[in-house]
Amino acid sequence: MEAYLASLPGSLASYPDCVQKASVYREFIRFMPTGALAGKVPKPVEALVTSPVAAAAWVPEVHVTALYLAISDLELPDEAAFVARAEVANKELLTGPLYRIMMMVASPAYLAKNAESRWNTFHRGIKMTAESLPQGKSGTAVFRLDYPKALVPELIARANTTAFKAAIEAAGGRGVKVELTRFGPESSTLACSWS
């Protein structure tokens, strides 16, 4: 977490226009240990746990990313454990009462074709574009995420694959695979496939 904050132009104050729906991080911390964070993380990051923001509110991506990295650093044995827990949290979020209808009314192909608007339900300031979409009943799609420099570290980009996987599964996709095929300081690419 400290290396992440040091890589940003203004530490925790960086990129204030990049925000995410609080319901996302709130779901995450239901499945993540947070006890070791007290007194070891910046106050705005600790407050996300001790005084959770209303689910419908928007919170800075930098604060949430710092929280996730602190959990990975202080609470979990390795990054793979963080990604595994992210997958559980994303499944719960996208099949839970807040977002179930939004995901289940769509087929995987429909969801892929409308992924940008779905992404914008949860994020502002990180642009998502489809580089390729399903043709007919084809079960593949490639998405690119563009963001300000260093906003998204590689661990979070890997965890993002679990959100895409959970969304496609919630829309009825089977055998879903999502892979981070390219990662850089200002963009990442995810390849999705399903049957």
N, C-alpha and C. Protein backbone atom coordinates (compact mmCIF):
# COMPACT_ATOMS: atom_id res chain seq x y z
N MET A 1 0.82 -1.19 0.00
CA MET A 1 0.00 0.00 0.00
C MET A 1 0.87 1.26 0.00
N GLU A 2 1.92 1.28 0.81
CA GLU A 2 2.78 2.46 0.87
C GLU A 2 3.43 2.74 -0.48
N ALA A 3 3.89 1.70 -1.17
CA ALA A 3 4.50 1.88 -2.50
C ALA A 3 3.47 2.41 -3.49
N TYR A 4 2.26 1.92 -3.40
CA TYR A 4 1.19 2.40 -4.28
C TYR A 4 0.95 3.89 -4.07
N LEU A 5 0.75 4.31 -2.82
CA LEU A 5 0.48 5.72 -2.54
C LEU A 5 1.66 6.60 -2.96
N ALA A 6 2.88 6.10 -2.80
CA ALA A 6 4.06 6.87 -3.21
C ALA A 6 4.15 7.02 -4.72
N SER A 7 3.55 6.09 -5.46
CA SER A 7 3.61 6.13 -6.92
C SER A 7 2.63 7.13 -7.53
N LEU A 8 1.72 7.64 -6.73
CA LEU A 8 0.69 8.56 -7.22
C LEU A 8 1.15 10.01 -7.09
N PRO A 9 0.65 10.90 -7.94
CA PRO A 9 1.12 12.29 -7.90
C PRO A 9 0.76 13.03 -6.62
N GLY A 10 -0.32 12.66 -5.97
CA GLY A 10 -0.75 13.35 -4.76
C GLY A 10 -1.17 12.41 -3.65
N SER A 11 -0.56 11.22 -3.61
CA SER A 11 -0.88 10.21 -2.60
C SER A 11 -2.40 10.00 -2.54
N LEU A 12 -3.00 10.04 -1.36
CA LEU A 12 -4.44 9.77 -1.21
C LEU A 12 -5.33 10.80 -1.90
N ALA A 13 -4.80 11.98 -2.16
CA ALA A 13 -5.61 13.02 -2.80
C ALA A 13 -5.60 12.92 -4.32
N SER A 14 -4.92 11.94 -4.86
CA SER A 14 -4.80 11.80 -6.32
C SER A 14 -6.13 11.42 -6.96
N TYR A 15 -6.33 11.95 -8.16
CA TYR A 15 -7.43 11.57 -9.05
C TYR A 15 -8.80 11.59 -8.37
N PRO A 16 -9.22 12.73 -7.82
CA PRO A 16 -10.50 12.79 -7.11
C PRO A 16 -11.71 12.53 -7.99
N ASP A 17 -11.56 12.63 -9.31
CA ASP A 17 -12.68 12.34 -10.20
C ASP A 17 -12.84 10.85 -10.49
N CYS A 18 -11.92 10.05 -10.01
CA CYS A 18 -12.01 8.59 -10.18
C CYS A 18 -12.62 8.02 -8.92
N VAL A 19 -13.87 7.55 -9.05
CA VAL A 19 -14.63 7.07 -7.89
C VAL A 19 -15.30 5.74 -8.22
N GLN A 20 -15.67 5.03 -7.17
CA GLN A 20 -16.44 3.81 -7.35
C GLN A 20 -17.60 3.79 -6.38
N LYS A 21 -18.62 3.02 -6.74
CA LYS A 21 -19.81 2.89 -5.91
C LYS A 21 -19.40 2.21 -4.59
N ALA A 22 -19.81 2.78 -3.49
CA ALA A 22 -19.42 2.25 -2.18
C ALA A 22 -19.92 0.83 -1.96
N SER A 23 -20.99 0.44 -2.63
CA SER A 23 -21.50 -0.93 -2.46
C SER A 23 -20.44 -1.96 -2.82
N VAL A 24 -19.54 -1.62 -3.74
CA VAL A 24 -18.50 -2.57 -4.16
C VAL A 24 -17.53 -2.82 -3.02
N TYR A 25 -16.95 -1.78 -2.47
CA TYR A 25 -15.97 -2.01 -1.40
C TYR A 25 -16.65 -2.58 -0.15
N ARG A 26 -17.89 -2.15 0.12
CA ARG A 26 -18.59 -2.69 1.29
C ARG A 26 -18.78 -4.20 1.17
N GLU A 27 -19.08 -4.67 -0.05
CA GLU A 27 -19.22 -6.12 -0.25
C GLU A 27 -17.87 -6.80 -0.06
N PHE A 28 -16.82 -6.19 -0.57
CA PHE A 28 -15.48 -6.75 -0.43
C PHE A 28 -15.11 -6.95 1.03
N ILE A 29 -15.32 -5.92 1.84
CA ILE A 29 -14.85 -6.05 3.22
C ILE A 29 -15.68 -7.04 4.04
N ARG A 30 -16.83 -7.44 3.53
CA ARG A 30 -17.56 -8.54 4.18
C ARG A 30 -16.78 -9.85 4.08
N PHE A 31 -15.95 -9.98 3.06
CA PHE A 31 -15.23 -11.22 2.82
C PHE A 31 -13.72 -11.10 3.05
N MET A 32 -13.32 -9.99 3.63
CA MET A 32 -11.91 -9.74 3.87
C MET A 32 -11.67 -9.46 5.35
N PRO A 33 -10.58 -10.01 5.91
CA PRO A 33 -10.24 -9.64 7.28
C PRO A 33 -9.72 -8.20 7.31
N THR A 34 -10.10 -7.46 8.34
CA THR A 34 -9.67 -6.06 8.42
C THR A 34 -9.14 -5.68 9.79
N GLY A 35 -9.10 -6.60 10.73
CA GLY A 35 -8.71 -6.29 12.11
C GLY A 35 -7.32 -5.73 12.26
N ALA A 36 -6.38 -6.15 11.43
CA ALA A 36 -4.98 -5.71 11.56
C ALA A 36 -4.75 -4.31 10.99
N LEU A 37 -5.76 -3.70 10.38
CA LEU A 37 -5.57 -2.40 9.76
C LEU A 37 -5.58 -1.24 10.75
N ALA A 38 -6.22 -1.42 11.89
CA ALA A 38 -6.40 -0.33 12.85
C ALA A 38 -5.05 0.29 13.23
N GLY A 39 -4.96 1.60 13.00
CA GLY A 39 -3.76 2.33 13.35
C GLY A 39 -2.58 2.14 12.42
N LYS A 40 -2.72 1.31 11.38
CA LYS A 40 -1.61 1.03 10.48
C LYS A 40 -1.81 1.57 9.07
N VAL A 41 -2.95 2.18 8.83
CA VAL A 41 -3.25 2.74 7.51
C VAL A 41 -3.69 4.19 7.68
N PRO A 42 -3.62 4.99 6.62
CA PRO A 42 -4.08 6.37 6.74
C PRO A 42 -5.53 6.45 7.20
N LYS A 43 -5.83 7.50 7.95
CA LYS A 43 -7.18 7.65 8.54
C LYS A 43 -8.31 7.53 7.52
N PRO A 44 -8.23 8.15 6.32
CA PRO A 44 -9.34 8.00 5.37
C PRO A 44 -9.55 6.56 4.92
N VAL A 45 -8.48 5.79 4.88
CA VAL A 45 -8.57 4.37 4.51
C VAL A 45 -9.19 3.58 5.65
N GLU A 46 -8.73 3.83 6.86
CA GLU A 46 -9.28 3.14 8.02
C GLU A 46 -10.76 3.46 8.19
N ALA A 47 -11.15 4.70 7.89
CA ALA A 47 -12.55 5.10 8.04
C ALA A 47 -13.48 4.31 7.12
N LEU A 48 -12.98 3.85 5.98
CA LEU A 48 -13.81 3.02 5.10
C LEU A 48 -14.29 1.77 5.82
N VAL A 49 -13.50 1.29 6.77
CA VAL A 49 -13.86 0.09 7.54
C VAL A 49 -14.63 0.47 8.80
N THR A 50 -14.12 1.46 9.53
CA THR A 50 -14.73 1.78 10.82
C THR A 50 -16.03 2.58 10.70
N SER A 51 -16.17 3.33 9.62
CA SER A 51 -17.39 4.12 9.38
C SER A 51 -17.80 3.97 7.91
N PRO A 52 -18.27 2.77 7.52
CA PRO A 52 -18.57 2.52 6.11
C PRO A 52 -19.50 3.56 5.49
N VAL A 53 -19.17 3.93 4.28
CA VAL A 53 -19.96 4.89 3.51
C VAL A 53 -21.24 4.21 3.03
N ALA A 54 -22.31 4.96 2.90
CA ALA A 54 -23.58 4.40 2.40
C ALA A 54 -23.37 3.71 1.06
N ALA A 55 -24.03 2.59 0.84
CA ALA A 55 -23.83 1.77 -0.36
C ALA A 55 -24.03 2.55 -1.65
N ALA A 56 -24.93 3.51 -1.67
CA ALA A 56 -25.21 4.25 -2.90
C ALA A 56 -24.25 5.42 -3.14
N ALA A 57 -23.38 5.70 -2.18
CA ALA A 57 -22.45 6.82 -2.30
C ALA A 57 -21.27 6.44 -3.21
N TRP A 58 -20.52 7.45 -3.61
CA TRP A 58 -19.30 7.26 -4.41
C TRP A 58 -18.09 7.55 -3.53
N VAL A 59 -17.06 6.71 -3.63
CA VAL A 59 -15.85 6.88 -2.83
C VAL A 59 -14.64 6.92 -3.77
N PRO A 60 -13.57 7.59 -3.37
CA PRO A 60 -12.39 7.68 -4.24
C PRO A 60 -11.76 6.31 -4.52
N GLU A 61 -11.48 6.05 -5.79
CA GLU A 61 -10.81 4.80 -6.17
C GLU A 61 -9.48 4.64 -5.43
N VAL A 62 -8.75 5.75 -5.27
CA VAL A 62 -7.45 5.68 -4.60
C VAL A 62 -7.62 5.17 -3.17
N HIS A 63 -8.63 5.65 -2.45
CA HIS A 63 -8.85 5.21 -1.07
C HIS A 63 -9.18 3.73 -1.02
N VAL A 64 -10.06 3.30 -1.91
CA VAL A 64 -10.47 1.90 -1.92
C VAL A 64 -9.30 1.00 -2.33
N THR A 65 -8.54 1.43 -3.32
CA THR A 65 -7.38 0.64 -3.75
C THR A 65 -6.37 0.53 -2.61
N ALA A 66 -6.13 1.62 -1.90
CA ALA A 66 -5.23 1.58 -0.75
C ALA A 66 -5.75 0.60 0.30
N LEU A 67 -7.07 0.60 0.52
CA LEU A 67 -7.67 -0.35 1.47
C LEU A 67 -7.41 -1.78 1.03
N TYR A 68 -7.67 -2.07 -0.24
CA TYR A 68 -7.47 -3.44 -0.73
C TYR A 68 -6.01 -3.87 -0.61
N LEU A 69 -5.10 -2.97 -0.95
CA LEU A 69 -3.68 -3.31 -0.87
C LEU A 69 -3.25 -3.50 0.58
N ALA A 70 -3.79 -2.71 1.49
CA ALA A 70 -3.48 -2.89 2.91
C ALA A 70 -3.98 -4.24 3.41
N ILE A 71 -5.17 -4.62 2.97
CA ILE A 71 -5.69 -5.95 3.36
C ILE A 71 -4.77 -7.04 2.84
N SER A 72 -4.36 -6.92 1.58
CA SER A 72 -3.45 -7.91 1.01
C SER A 72 -2.12 -7.93 1.77
N ASP A 73 -1.60 -6.76 2.10
CA ASP A 73 -0.31 -6.65 2.80
C ASP A 73 -0.36 -7.18 4.23
N LEU A 74 -1.41 -6.80 4.97
CA LEU A 74 -1.43 -7.03 6.42
C LEU A 74 -2.27 -8.23 6.87
N GLU A 75 -3.20 -8.66 6.03
CA GLU A 75 -4.16 -9.66 6.49
C GLU A 75 -4.09 -11.01 5.80
N LEU A 76 -3.56 -11.05 4.59
CA LEU A 76 -3.63 -12.28 3.80
C LEU A 76 -2.24 -12.83 3.52
N PRO A 77 -2.13 -14.14 3.31
CA PRO A 77 -0.80 -14.73 3.12
C PRO A 77 -0.12 -14.33 1.82
N ASP A 78 -0.91 -14.04 0.79
CA ASP A 78 -0.32 -13.67 -0.50
C ASP A 78 -1.38 -13.03 -1.39
N GLU A 79 -0.94 -12.56 -2.55
CA GLU A 79 -1.86 -11.89 -3.47
C GLU A 79 -2.91 -12.84 -4.03
N ALA A 80 -2.56 -14.12 -4.21
CA ALA A 80 -3.52 -15.10 -4.71
C ALA A 80 -4.72 -15.21 -3.77
N ALA A 81 -4.47 -15.11 -2.47
CA ALA A 81 -5.56 -15.18 -1.49
C ALA A 81 -6.47 -13.97 -1.64
N PHE A 82 -5.90 -12.80 -1.94
CA PHE A 82 -6.72 -11.61 -2.16
C PHE A 82 -7.61 -11.80 -3.39
N VAL A 83 -7.03 -12.28 -4.49
CA VAL A 83 -7.80 -12.46 -5.72
C VAL A 83 -8.91 -13.49 -5.50
N ALA A 84 -8.62 -14.56 -4.76
CA ALA A 84 -9.64 -15.58 -4.48
C ALA A 84 -10.80 -14.98 -3.67
N ARG A 85 -10.48 -14.18 -2.70
CA ARG A 85 -11.55 -13.54 -1.91
C ARG A 85 -12.30 -12.51 -2.74
N ALA A 86 -11.61 -11.83 -3.64
CA ALA A 86 -12.27 -10.88 -4.54
C ALA A 86 -13.30 -11.59 -5.40
N GLU A 87 -12.98 -12.79 -5.84
CA GLU A 87 -13.94 -13.54 -6.66
C GLU A 87 -15.21 -13.85 -5.87
N VAL A 88 -15.05 -14.28 -4.63
CA VAL A 88 -16.22 -14.56 -3.78
C VAL A 88 -17.04 -13.28 -3.58
N ALA A 89 -16.36 -12.18 -3.27
CA ALA A 89 -17.06 -10.91 -3.03
C ALA A 89 -17.80 -10.44 -4.27
N ASN A 90 -17.18 -10.55 -5.44
CA ASN A 90 -17.85 -10.12 -6.67
C ASN A 90 -19.06 -10.97 -6.99
N LYS A 91 -18.97 -12.27 -6.77
CA LYS A 91 -20.14 -13.13 -6.99
C LYS A 91 -21.28 -12.73 -6.07
N GLU A 92 -20.95 -12.49 -4.82
CA GLU A 92 -21.99 -12.09 -3.86
C GLU A 92 -22.60 -10.74 -4.24
N LEU A 93 -21.76 -9.80 -4.64
CA LEU A 93 -22.26 -8.47 -5.01
C LEU A 93 -23.20 -8.55 -6.20
N LEU A 94 -22.79 -9.27 -7.23
CA LEU A 94 -23.56 -9.27 -8.49
C LEU A 94 -24.75 -10.21 -8.48
N THR A 95 -24.83 -11.09 -7.50
CA THR A 95 -26.02 -11.93 -7.38
C THR A 95 -26.86 -11.54 -6.16
N GLY A 96 -26.42 -10.51 -5.44
CA GLY A 96 -27.14 -10.03 -4.27
C GLY A 96 -28.29 -9.12 -4.65
N PRO A 97 -29.04 -8.67 -3.67
CA PRO A 97 -30.26 -7.92 -3.94
C PRO A 97 -30.06 -6.59 -4.67
N LEU A 98 -28.91 -5.93 -4.48
CA LEU A 98 -28.72 -4.63 -5.12
C LEU A 98 -28.57 -4.73 -6.64
N TYR A 99 -27.91 -5.79 -7.13
CA TYR A 99 -27.56 -5.83 -8.55
C TYR A 99 -28.03 -7.07 -9.30
N ARG A 100 -28.71 -7.98 -8.63
CA ARG A 100 -29.14 -9.23 -9.26
C ARG A 100 -29.96 -8.99 -10.52
N ILE A 101 -30.93 -8.12 -10.45
CA ILE A 101 -31.82 -7.89 -11.60
C ILE A 101 -31.03 -7.31 -12.77
N MET A 102 -30.12 -6.40 -12.49
CA MET A 102 -29.33 -5.80 -13.56
C MET A 102 -28.52 -6.85 -14.32
N MET A 103 -28.05 -7.87 -13.64
CA MET A 103 -27.22 -8.88 -14.29
C MET A 103 -28.04 -10.02 -14.88
N MET A 104 -29.10 -10.41 -14.22
CA MET A 104 -29.82 -11.61 -14.63
C MET A 104 -30.78 -11.39 -15.79
N VAL A 105 -31.07 -10.16 -16.15
CA VAL A 105 -31.96 -9.93 -17.27
C VAL A 105 -31.21 -10.01 -18.60
N ALA A 106 -29.94 -10.25 -18.55
CA ALA A 106 -29.11 -10.22 -19.77
C ALA A 106 -28.49 -11.58 -20.04
N SER A 107 -28.26 -11.86 -21.32
CA SER A 107 -27.43 -13.00 -21.69
C SER A 107 -25.98 -12.53 -21.61
N PRO A 108 -25.02 -13.46 -21.58
CA PRO A 108 -23.62 -13.03 -21.59
C PRO A 108 -23.28 -12.13 -22.78
N ALA A 109 -23.80 -12.45 -23.96
CA ALA A 109 -23.51 -11.63 -25.15
C ALA A 109 -24.11 -10.24 -25.00
N TYR A 110 -25.34 -10.16 -24.50
CA TYR A 110 -25.97 -8.85 -24.29
C TYR A 110 -25.18 -8.05 -23.25
N LEU A 111 -24.79 -8.73 -22.18
CA LEU A 111 -24.01 -8.07 -21.14
C LEU A 111 -22.70 -7.53 -21.70
N ALA A 112 -22.01 -8.34 -22.52
CA ALA A 112 -20.75 -7.89 -23.13
C ALA A 112 -20.98 -6.66 -24.01
N LYS A 113 -22.05 -6.69 -24.79
CA LYS A 113 -22.32 -5.57 -25.69
C LYS A 113 -22.71 -4.30 -24.94
N ASN A 114 -23.18 -4.45 -23.71
CA ASN A 114 -23.57 -3.31 -22.89
C ASN A 114 -22.66 -3.15 -21.67
N ALA A 115 -21.48 -3.70 -21.76
CA ALA A 115 -20.56 -3.72 -20.62
C ALA A 115 -20.17 -2.32 -20.16
N GLU A 116 -20.02 -1.40 -21.10
CA GLU A 116 -19.61 -0.06 -20.71
C GLU A 116 -20.61 0.58 -19.76
N SER A 117 -21.90 0.47 -20.07
CA SER A 117 -22.90 1.07 -19.18
C SER A 117 -22.96 0.33 -17.85
N ARG A 118 -22.76 -0.99 -17.87
CA ARG A 118 -22.73 -1.76 -16.62
C ARG A 118 -21.53 -1.32 -15.77
N TRP A 119 -20.36 -1.17 -16.42
CA TRP A 119 -19.15 -0.73 -15.72
C TRP A 119 -19.40 0.64 -15.08
N ASN A 120 -20.05 1.53 -15.83
CA ASN A 120 -20.29 2.88 -15.33
C ASN A 120 -21.27 2.91 -14.15
N THR A 121 -21.98 1.82 -13.92
CA THR A 121 -22.82 1.71 -12.74
C THR A 121 -21.96 1.69 -11.48
N PHE A 122 -20.74 1.17 -11.61
CA PHE A 122 -19.86 0.99 -10.46
C PHE A 122 -18.66 1.94 -10.43
N HIS A 123 -18.26 2.47 -11.58
CA HIS A 123 -17.02 3.25 -11.65
C HIS A 123 -17.19 4.51 -12.49
N ARG A 124 -16.50 5.57 -12.07
CA ARG A 124 -16.39 6.80 -12.85
C ARG A 124 -14.92 7.18 -12.87
N GLY A 125 -14.43 7.58 -14.04
CA GLY A 125 -13.04 7.99 -14.15
C GLY A 125 -12.13 6.91 -14.70
N ILE A 126 -12.59 5.69 -14.71
CA ILE A 126 -11.88 4.59 -15.37
C ILE A 126 -12.74 4.24 -16.57
N LYS A 127 -12.18 4.42 -17.76
CA LYS A 127 -12.96 4.19 -18.98
C LYS A 127 -12.82 2.74 -19.42
N MET A 128 -13.95 2.13 -19.71
CA MET A 128 -13.95 0.76 -20.23
C MET A 128 -14.47 0.77 -21.65
N THR A 129 -13.73 0.10 -22.55
CA THR A 129 -14.17 -0.01 -23.94
C THR A 129 -14.01 -1.45 -24.40
N ALA A 130 -14.89 -1.84 -25.29
CA ALA A 130 -14.80 -3.17 -25.87
C ALA A 130 -13.86 -3.12 -27.07
N GLU A 131 -12.85 -3.98 -27.07
CA GLU A 131 -11.97 -4.09 -28.23
C GLU A 131 -12.50 -5.13 -29.20
N SER A 132 -13.22 -6.11 -28.67
CA SER A 132 -13.95 -7.05 -29.53
C SER A 132 -15.15 -7.56 -28.75
N LEU A 133 -16.24 -7.81 -29.46
CA LEU A 133 -17.48 -8.25 -28.85
C LEU A 133 -17.95 -9.53 -29.52
N PRO A 134 -18.84 -10.26 -28.85
CA PRO A 134 -19.34 -11.50 -29.44
C PRO A 134 -20.08 -11.24 -30.75
N GLN A 135 -19.86 -12.10 -31.70
CA GLN A 135 -20.58 -12.06 -32.98
C GLN A 135 -21.54 -13.24 -32.97
N GLY A 136 -22.83 -12.96 -33.11
CA GLY A 136 -23.82 -14.03 -33.05
C GLY A 136 -23.80 -14.67 -31.68
N LYS A 137 -23.56 -15.98 -31.63
CA LYS A 137 -23.56 -16.69 -30.35
C LYS A 137 -22.15 -16.93 -29.84
N SER A 138 -21.19 -16.27 -30.44
CA SER A 138 -19.80 -16.41 -30.02
C SER A 138 -19.65 -16.01 -28.56
N GLY A 139 -18.83 -16.72 -27.84
CA GLY A 139 -18.66 -16.46 -26.43
C GLY A 139 -17.31 -15.88 -26.08
N THR A 140 -16.89 -14.85 -26.79
CA THR A 140 -15.63 -14.20 -26.45
C THR A 140 -15.80 -12.68 -26.54
N ALA A 141 -15.04 -11.99 -25.72
CA ALA A 141 -15.02 -10.53 -25.75
C ALA A 141 -13.70 -10.07 -25.14
N VAL A 142 -13.24 -8.92 -25.58
CA VAL A 142 -12.02 -8.32 -25.04
C VAL A 142 -12.34 -6.89 -24.63
N PHE A 143 -11.96 -6.53 -23.42
CA PHE A 143 -12.23 -5.21 -22.88
C PHE A 143 -10.93 -4.53 -22.46
N ARG A 144 -10.92 -3.22 -22.67
CA ARG A 144 -9.76 -2.41 -22.27
C ARG A 144 -10.22 -1.41 -21.22
N LEU A 145 -9.43 -1.30 -20.15
CA LEU A 145 -9.67 -0.31 -19.11
C LEU A 145 -8.57 0.74 -19.19
N ASP A 146 -8.96 2.01 -19.31
CA ASP A 146 -8.01 3.12 -19.33
C ASP A 146 -8.20 3.96 -18.08
N TYR A 147 -7.08 4.37 -17.47
CA TYR A 147 -7.13 5.08 -16.21
C TYR A 147 -5.92 5.99 -16.08
N PRO A 148 -5.97 6.96 -15.16
CA PRO A 148 -4.81 7.82 -14.94
C PRO A 148 -3.60 7.00 -14.47
N LYS A 149 -2.42 7.53 -14.76
CA LYS A 149 -1.18 6.81 -14.49
C LYS A 149 -1.07 6.32 -13.04
N ALA A 150 -0.82 5.02 -12.91
CA ALA A 150 -0.59 4.33 -11.63
C ALA A 150 -1.83 4.18 -10.76
N LEU A 151 -3.01 4.59 -11.25
CA LEU A 151 -4.22 4.46 -10.43
C LEU A 151 -4.53 3.01 -10.10
N VAL A 152 -4.37 2.13 -11.07
CA VAL A 152 -4.72 0.71 -10.90
C VAL A 152 -3.45 -0.12 -10.85
N PRO A 153 -3.07 -0.66 -9.69
CA PRO A 153 -1.92 -1.56 -9.64
C PRO A 153 -2.28 -2.94 -10.20
N GLU A 154 -1.27 -3.72 -10.52
CA GLU A 154 -1.51 -5.02 -11.16
C GLU A 154 -2.40 -5.94 -10.32
N LEU A 155 -2.22 -5.95 -9.01
CA LEU A 155 -3.06 -6.81 -8.17
C LEU A 155 -4.54 -6.46 -8.34
N ILE A 156 -4.86 -5.20 -8.41
CA ILE A 156 -6.26 -4.79 -8.57
C ILE A 156 -6.74 -5.12 -9.99
N ALA A 157 -5.87 -5.00 -10.98
CA ALA A 157 -6.24 -5.40 -12.34
C ALA A 157 -6.57 -6.90 -12.38
N ARG A 158 -5.79 -7.70 -11.65
CA ARG A 158 -6.09 -9.14 -11.59
C ARG A 158 -7.40 -9.39 -10.86
N ALA A 159 -7.64 -8.65 -9.80
CA ALA A 159 -8.90 -8.79 -9.07
C ALA A 159 -10.09 -8.36 -9.94
N ASN A 160 -9.87 -7.38 -10.83
CA ASN A 160 -10.95 -6.96 -11.73
C ASN A 160 -11.42 -8.10 -12.62
N THR A 161 -10.54 -9.03 -12.95
CA THR A 161 -10.97 -10.16 -13.78
C THR A 161 -12.09 -10.93 -13.09
N THR A 162 -12.07 -10.97 -11.77
CA THR A 162 -13.10 -11.71 -11.04
C THR A 162 -14.45 -11.01 -11.12
N ALA A 163 -14.45 -9.69 -11.25
CA ALA A 163 -15.71 -8.95 -11.41
C ALA A 163 -16.33 -9.26 -12.77
N PHE A 164 -15.50 -9.28 -13.81
CA PHE A 164 -16.00 -9.62 -15.15
C PHE A 164 -16.51 -11.06 -15.17
N LYS A 165 -15.77 -11.96 -14.53
CA LYS A 165 -16.20 -13.36 -14.49
C LYS A 165 -17.53 -13.50 -13.77
N ALA A 166 -17.66 -12.85 -12.62
CA ALA A 166 -18.91 -12.93 -11.86
C ALA A 166 -20.08 -12.35 -12.64
N ALA A 167 -19.85 -11.27 -13.38
CA ALA A 167 -20.93 -10.65 -14.16
C ALA A 167 -21.40 -11.59 -15.28
N ILE A 168 -20.47 -12.21 -15.98
CA ILE A 168 -20.83 -13.12 -17.08
C ILE A 168 -21.54 -14.35 -16.53
N GLU A 169 -21.07 -14.86 -15.39
CA GLU A 169 -21.75 -16.00 -14.77
C GLU A 169 -23.16 -15.62 -14.32
N ALA A 170 -23.32 -14.42 -13.75
CA ALA A 170 -24.65 -13.98 -13.31
C ALA A 170 -25.61 -13.84 -14.48
N ALA A 171 -25.05 -13.59 -15.66
CA ALA A 171 -25.88 -13.46 -16.87
C ALA A 171 -26.10 -14.81 -17.56
N GLY A 172 -25.66 -15.89 -16.93
CA GLY A 172 -25.91 -17.23 -17.47
C GLY A 172 -24.75 -17.88 -18.18
N GLY A 173 -23.59 -17.25 -18.20
CA GLY A 173 -22.42 -17.84 -18.85
C GLY A 173 -21.92 -19.07 -18.09
N ARG A 174 -21.48 -20.06 -18.83
CA ARG A 174 -20.93 -21.29 -18.24
C ARG A 174 -19.48 -21.41 -18.66
N GLY A 175 -18.68 -22.06 -17.83
CA GLY A 175 -17.27 -22.25 -18.17
C GLY A 175 -16.55 -20.94 -18.42
N VAL A 176 -16.90 -19.91 -17.64
CA VAL A 176 -16.38 -18.57 -17.87
C VAL A 176 -14.89 -18.49 -17.50
N LYS A 177 -14.14 -17.88 -18.41
CA LYS A 177 -12.72 -17.61 -18.15
C LYS A 177 -12.46 -16.14 -18.48
N VAL A 178 -11.77 -15.47 -17.59
CA VAL A 178 -11.38 -14.08 -17.82
C VAL A 178 -9.90 -13.98 -17.46
N GLU A 179 -9.14 -13.44 -18.38
CA GLU A 179 -7.69 -13.37 -18.21
C GLU A 179 -7.20 -11.94 -18.42
N LEU A 180 -6.30 -11.52 -17.56
CA LEU A 180 -5.62 -10.24 -17.74
C LEU A 180 -4.53 -10.47 -18.77
N THR A 181 -4.75 -10.00 -19.99
CA THR A 181 -3.81 -10.28 -21.08
C THR A 181 -2.75 -9.21 -21.25
N ARG A 182 -3.03 -8.02 -20.73
CA ARG A 182 -2.04 -6.95 -20.80
C ARG A 182 -2.27 -6.01 -19.64
N PHE A 183 -1.17 -5.63 -18.99
CA PHE A 183 -1.25 -4.68 -17.90
C PHE A 183 -0.20 -3.60 -18.09
N GLY A 184 -0.61 -2.35 -17.92
CA GLY A 184 0.32 -1.23 -18.00
C GLY A 184 -0.08 -0.15 -17.01
N PRO A 185 0.74 0.89 -16.86
CA PRO A 185 0.46 1.93 -15.87
C PRO A 185 -0.79 2.76 -16.16
N GLU A 186 -1.27 2.74 -17.43
CA GLU A 186 -2.44 3.54 -17.77
C GLU A 186 -3.56 2.75 -18.44
N SER A 187 -3.37 1.45 -18.62
CA SER A 187 -4.45 0.64 -19.20
C SER A 187 -4.18 -0.83 -18.95
N SER A 188 -5.24 -1.60 -19.04
CA SER A 188 -5.13 -3.05 -18.96
C SER A 188 -6.19 -3.66 -19.88
N THR A 189 -5.94 -4.88 -20.31
CA THR A 189 -6.84 -5.57 -21.23
C THR A 189 -7.23 -6.91 -20.63
N LEU A 190 -8.52 -7.21 -20.72
CA LEU A 190 -9.06 -8.46 -20.19
C LEU A 190 -9.75 -9.22 -21.32
N ALA A 191 -9.42 -10.48 -21.45
CA ALA A 191 -10.06 -11.35 -22.46
C ALA A 191 -11.03 -12.28 -21.74
N CYS A 192 -12.27 -12.33 -22.23
CA CYS A 192 -13.33 -13.14 -21.61
C CYS A 192 -13.80 -14.20 -22.59
N SER A 193 -14.12 -15.37 -22.07
CA SER A 193 -14.74 -16.42 -22.90
C SER A 193 -15.75 -17.17 -22.04
N TRP A 194 -16.77 -17.71 -22.70
CA TRP A 194 -17.82 -18.45 -22.00
C TRP A 194 -18.52 -19.35 -22.99
N SER A 195 -19.29 -20.29 -22.44
CA SER A 195 -20.10 -21.18 -23.32
C SER A 195 -21.56 -21.00 -22.96
